[in-house]
Amino acid sequence: MIGDVTPLEWDSLPEFEQDLLVCATEAWGILPYATDQHRGIGDPRAEAAAAARMVLELVDRGWITVHRIVPDAAGVGAAYGPAITQQLDALLADPDTWDDPDGVSWNGELAVALTPAGRSAIAR
């Protein structure tokens, strides 16, 4: 048992949760990039609601945190802002949250980061 999370086999996770966890292990974990292959299948609002539920489930398990990308202290790069905890469900339910970033700057975009509990849970 890891905190209140039991270790599990990767294959038992739904594909979209796997994609979110992989995204959370990448350099910046830009949230819309986790959903590329799952987008455009149906109604954007329904897709956003389904994706939001999966993100919130992983947050509730303590496996990921959600942040905005912000300018770093020197103003020349980027950093994670504080973990978003207030009204995260409403933010994630907005279809615009899931749009790919338009420019080269990811400032303001949502990102996911893997927590130590998440690393332990997905480790084989």
C-alpha atoms as a PDB file:
ATOM      1  CA  MET A   1       0.000   0.000   0.000  1.00  0.00           C
ATOM      2  CA  ILE A   2       1.330   3.433  -0.968  1.00  0.00           C
ATOM      3  CA  GLY A   3      -0.485   5.908   1.235  1.00  0.00           C
ATOM      4  CA  ASP A   4      -4.067   5.061   0.318  1.00  0.00           C
ATOM      5  CA  VAL A   5      -3.107   3.876  -3.180  1.00  0.00           C
ATOM      6  CA  THR A   6      -2.371   0.248  -3.937  1.00  0.00           C
ATOM      7  CA  PRO A   7       0.155  -0.528  -6.688  1.00  0.00           C
ATOM      8  CA  LEU A   8      -1.502  -1.706  -9.880  1.00  0.00           C
ATOM      9  CA  GLU A   9      -0.644  -3.134 -13.232  1.00  0.00           C
ATOM     10  CA  TRP A  10      -0.363  -0.665 -16.083  1.00  0.00           C
ATOM     11  CA  ASP A  11      -2.597  -2.770 -18.310  1.00  0.00           C
ATOM     12  CA  SER A  12      -5.506  -2.455 -15.889  1.00  0.00           C
ATOM     13  CA  LEU A  13      -5.735   1.317 -16.444  1.00  0.00           C
ATOM     14  CA  PRO A  14      -8.029   2.701 -19.152  1.00  0.00           C
ATOM     15  CA  GLU A  15      -6.091   3.899 -22.206  1.00  0.00           C
ATOM     16  CA  PHE A  16      -6.882   7.562 -21.568  1.00  0.00           C
ATOM     17  CA  GLU A  17      -5.599   7.344 -17.974  1.00  0.00           C
ATOM     18  CA  GLN A  18      -2.419   5.746 -19.320  1.00  0.00           C
ATOM     19  CA  ASP A  19      -2.070   8.659 -21.758  1.00  0.00           C
ATOM     20  CA  LEU A  20      -2.536  11.180 -18.940  1.00  0.00           C
ATOM     21  CA  LEU A  21       0.083   9.460 -16.793  1.00  0.00           C
ATOM     22  CA  VAL A  22       2.560   9.340 -19.694  1.00  0.00           C
ATOM     23  CA  CYS A  23       1.888  13.026 -20.319  1.00  0.00           C
ATOM     24  CA  ALA A  24       2.557  13.722 -16.629  1.00  0.00           C
ATOM     25  CA  THR A  25       5.999  12.112 -16.917  1.00  0.00           C
ATOM     26  CA  GLU A  26       7.039  14.231 -19.896  1.00  0.00           C
ATOM     27  CA  ALA A  27       9.054  17.433 -19.651  1.00  0.00           C
ATOM     28  CA  TRP A  28       6.109  19.821 -19.458  1.00  0.00           C
ATOM     29  CA  GLY A  29       3.056  17.569 -19.452  1.00  0.00           C
ATOM     30  CA  ILE A  30       0.887  19.938 -21.499  1.00  0.00           C
ATOM     31  CA  LEU A  31      -2.603  18.585 -20.877  1.00  0.00           C
ATOM     32  CA  PRO A  32      -4.086  18.932 -24.392  1.00  0.00           C
ATOM     33  CA  TYR A  33      -1.265  16.776 -25.796  1.00  0.00           C
ATOM     34  CA  ALA A  34      -2.490  13.817 -23.745  1.00  0.00           C
ATOM     35  CA  THR A  35      -5.820  13.954 -25.531  1.00  0.00           C
ATOM     36  CA  ASP A  36      -4.799  14.287 -29.181  1.00  0.00           C
ATOM     37  CA  GLN A  37      -5.819  10.791 -30.223  1.00  0.00           C
ATOM     38  CA  HIS A  38      -9.060  10.923 -28.239  1.00  0.00           C
ATOM     39  CA  ARG A  39     -10.313  14.231 -29.604  1.00  0.00           C
ATOM     40  CA  GLY A  40     -12.715  14.804 -32.473  1.00  0.00           C
ATOM     41  CA  ILE A  41     -14.726  11.659 -31.886  1.00  0.00           C
ATOM     42  CA  GLY A  42     -17.877  13.319 -30.634  1.00  0.00           C
ATOM     43  CA  ASP A  43     -19.346  16.380 -29.011  1.00  0.00           C
ATOM     44  CA  PRO A  44     -16.571  18.658 -27.636  1.00  0.00           C
ATOM     45  CA  ARG A  45     -18.468  19.326 -24.381  1.00  0.00           C
ATOM     46  CA  ALA A  46     -19.019  15.597 -23.778  1.00  0.00           C
ATOM     47  CA  GLU A  47     -15.363  14.887 -24.572  1.00  0.00           C
ATOM     48  CA  ALA A  48     -14.211  17.609 -22.167  1.00  0.00           C
ATOM     49  CA  ALA A  49     -16.505  16.285 -19.428  1.00  0.00           C
ATOM     50  CA  ALA A  50     -15.217  12.727 -19.863  1.00  0.00           C
ATOM     51  CA  ALA A  51     -11.585  13.870 -19.904  1.00  0.00           C
ATOM     52  CA  ALA A  52     -12.168  16.066 -16.853  1.00  0.00           C
ATOM     53  CA  ARG A  53     -13.563  13.118 -14.888  1.00  0.00           C
ATOM     54  CA  MET A  54     -10.454  11.049 -15.622  1.00  0.00           C
ATOM     55  CA  VAL A  55      -8.080  13.861 -14.679  1.00  0.00           C
ATOM     56  CA  LEU A  56      -9.976  14.487 -11.451  1.00  0.00           C
ATOM     57  CA  GLU A  57      -9.893  10.779 -10.625  1.00  0.00           C
ATOM     58  CA  LEU A  58      -6.089  10.745 -10.965  1.00  0.00           C
ATOM     59  CA  VAL A  59      -5.855  13.947  -8.891  1.00  0.00           C
ATOM     60  CA  ASP A  60      -8.109  12.425  -6.220  1.00  0.00           C
ATOM     61  CA  ARG A  61      -5.901   9.313  -6.120  1.00  0.00           C
ATOM     62  CA  GLY A  62      -2.950  11.622  -5.520  1.00  0.00           C
ATOM     63  CA  TRP A  63      -1.156  10.461  -8.664  1.00  0.00           C
ATOM     64  CA  ILE A  64      -1.045  13.763 -10.582  1.00  0.00           C
ATOM     65  CA  THR A  65      -1.299  17.477  -9.970  1.00  0.00           C
ATOM     66  CA  VAL A  66      -2.545  20.098 -12.424  1.00  0.00           C
ATOM     67  CA  HIS A  67      -0.678  23.383 -12.921  1.00  0.00           C
ATOM     68  CA  ARG A  68      -0.522  26.325 -15.289  1.00  0.00           C
ATOM     69  CA  ILE A  69       2.718  26.971 -17.104  1.00  0.00           C
ATOM     70  CA  VAL A  70       4.007  30.392 -16.003  1.00  0.00           C
ATOM     71  CA  PRO A  71       7.082  32.484 -16.853  1.00  0.00           C
ATOM     72  CA  ASP A  72      10.051  31.506 -14.717  1.00  0.00           C
ATOM     73  CA  ALA A  73      11.540  33.894 -12.153  1.00  0.00           C
ATOM     74  CA  ALA A  74      14.151  35.162 -14.617  1.00  0.00           C
ATOM     75  CA  GLY A  75      11.492  35.805 -17.260  1.00  0.00           C
ATOM     76  CA  VAL A  76      13.372  33.848 -19.921  1.00  0.00           C
ATOM     77  CA  GLY A  77      11.795  30.429 -19.582  1.00  0.00           C
ATOM     78  CA  ALA A  78       8.846  28.671 -18.053  1.00  0.00           C
ATOM     79  CA  ALA A  79       7.969  26.919 -14.810  1.00  0.00           C
ATOM     80  CA  TYR A  80       5.037  25.158 -13.206  1.00  0.00           C
ATOM     81  CA  GLY A  81       2.748  27.474 -11.303  1.00  0.00           C
ATOM     82  CA  PRO A  82       1.237  26.255  -8.039  1.00  0.00           C
ATOM     83  CA  ALA A  83      -1.000  23.195  -8.162  1.00  0.00           C
ATOM     84  CA  ILE A  84      -4.561  24.162  -9.048  1.00  0.00           C
ATOM     85  CA  THR A  85      -6.983  23.002  -6.400  1.00  0.00           C
ATOM     86  CA  GLN A  86      -9.825  25.544  -6.535  1.00  0.00           C
ATOM     87  CA  GLN A  87     -12.565  24.986  -9.130  1.00  0.00           C
ATOM     88  CA  LEU A  88     -10.428  22.507 -11.050  1.00  0.00           C
ATOM     89  CA  ASP A  89     -13.536  20.610 -12.129  1.00  0.00           C
ATOM     90  CA  ALA A  90     -15.022  23.697 -13.839  1.00  0.00           C
ATOM     91  CA  LEU A  91     -11.715  24.536 -15.513  1.00  0.00           C
ATOM     92  CA  LEU A  92     -11.340  21.003 -16.862  1.00  0.00           C
ATOM     93  CA  ALA A  93     -14.969  20.881 -18.058  1.00  0.00           C
ATOM     94  CA  ASP A  94     -14.339  23.809 -20.429  1.00  0.00           C
ATOM     95  CA  PRO A  95     -13.637  22.457 -23.963  1.00  0.00           C
ATOM     96  CA  ASP A  96     -11.200  25.362 -24.561  1.00  0.00           C
ATOM     97  CA  THR A  97      -8.953  23.879 -21.869  1.00  0.00           C
ATOM     98  CA  TRP A  98      -8.328  20.919 -24.155  1.00  0.00           C
ATOM     99  CA  ASP A  99      -7.365  22.903 -27.289  1.00  0.00           C
ATOM    100  CA  ASP A 100      -3.780  22.609 -28.470  1.00  0.00           C
ATOM    101  CA  PRO A 101      -1.638  25.645 -27.632  1.00  0.00           C
ATOM    102  CA  ASP A 102      -1.617  28.072 -30.559  1.00  0.00           C
ATOM    103  CA  GLY A 103       1.871  29.504 -30.261  1.00  0.00           C
ATOM    104  CA  VAL A 104       5.353  28.567 -29.218  1.00  0.00           C
ATOM    105  CA  SER A 105       4.781  29.881 -25.704  1.00  0.00           C
ATOM    106  CA  TRP A 106       3.004  27.496 -23.373  1.00  0.00           C
ATOM    107  CA  ASN A 107       2.499  30.182 -20.723  1.00  0.00           C
ATOM    108  CA  GLY A 108      -0.985  29.869 -19.312  1.00  0.00           C
ATOM    109  CA  GLU A 109      -1.512  26.318 -20.570  1.00  0.00           C
ATOM    110  CA  LEU A 110      -2.564  23.572 -18.205  1.00  0.00           C
ATOM    111  CA  ALA A 111      -0.036  20.861 -17.459  1.00  0.00           C
ATOM    112  CA  VAL A 112      -0.077  17.676 -15.421  1.00  0.00           C
ATOM    113  CA  ALA A 113       2.764  16.458 -13.228  1.00  0.00           C
ATOM    114  CA  LEU A 114       3.245  13.011 -11.749  1.00  0.00           C
ATOM    115  CA  THR A 115       3.434  12.884  -7.950  1.00  0.00           C
ATOM    116  CA  PRO A 116       5.669  10.517  -5.965  1.00  0.00           C
ATOM    117  CA  ALA A 117       2.560   8.401  -5.230  1.00  0.00           C
ATOM    118  CA  GLY A 118       1.798   8.294  -8.944  1.00  0.00           C
ATOM    119  CA  ARG A 119       5.355   7.193  -9.748  1.00  0.00           C
ATOM    120  CA  SER A 120       5.101   4.416  -7.183  1.00  0.00           C
ATOM    121  CA  ALA A 121       1.665   3.324  -8.358  1.00  0.00           C
ATOM    122  CA  ILE A 122       2.677   2.885 -11.996  1.00  0.00           C
ATOM    123  CA  ALA A 123       6.113   1.405 -11.333  1.00  0.00           C
ATOM    124  CA  ARG A 124       6.380  -2.234 -12.352  1.00  0.00           C
END
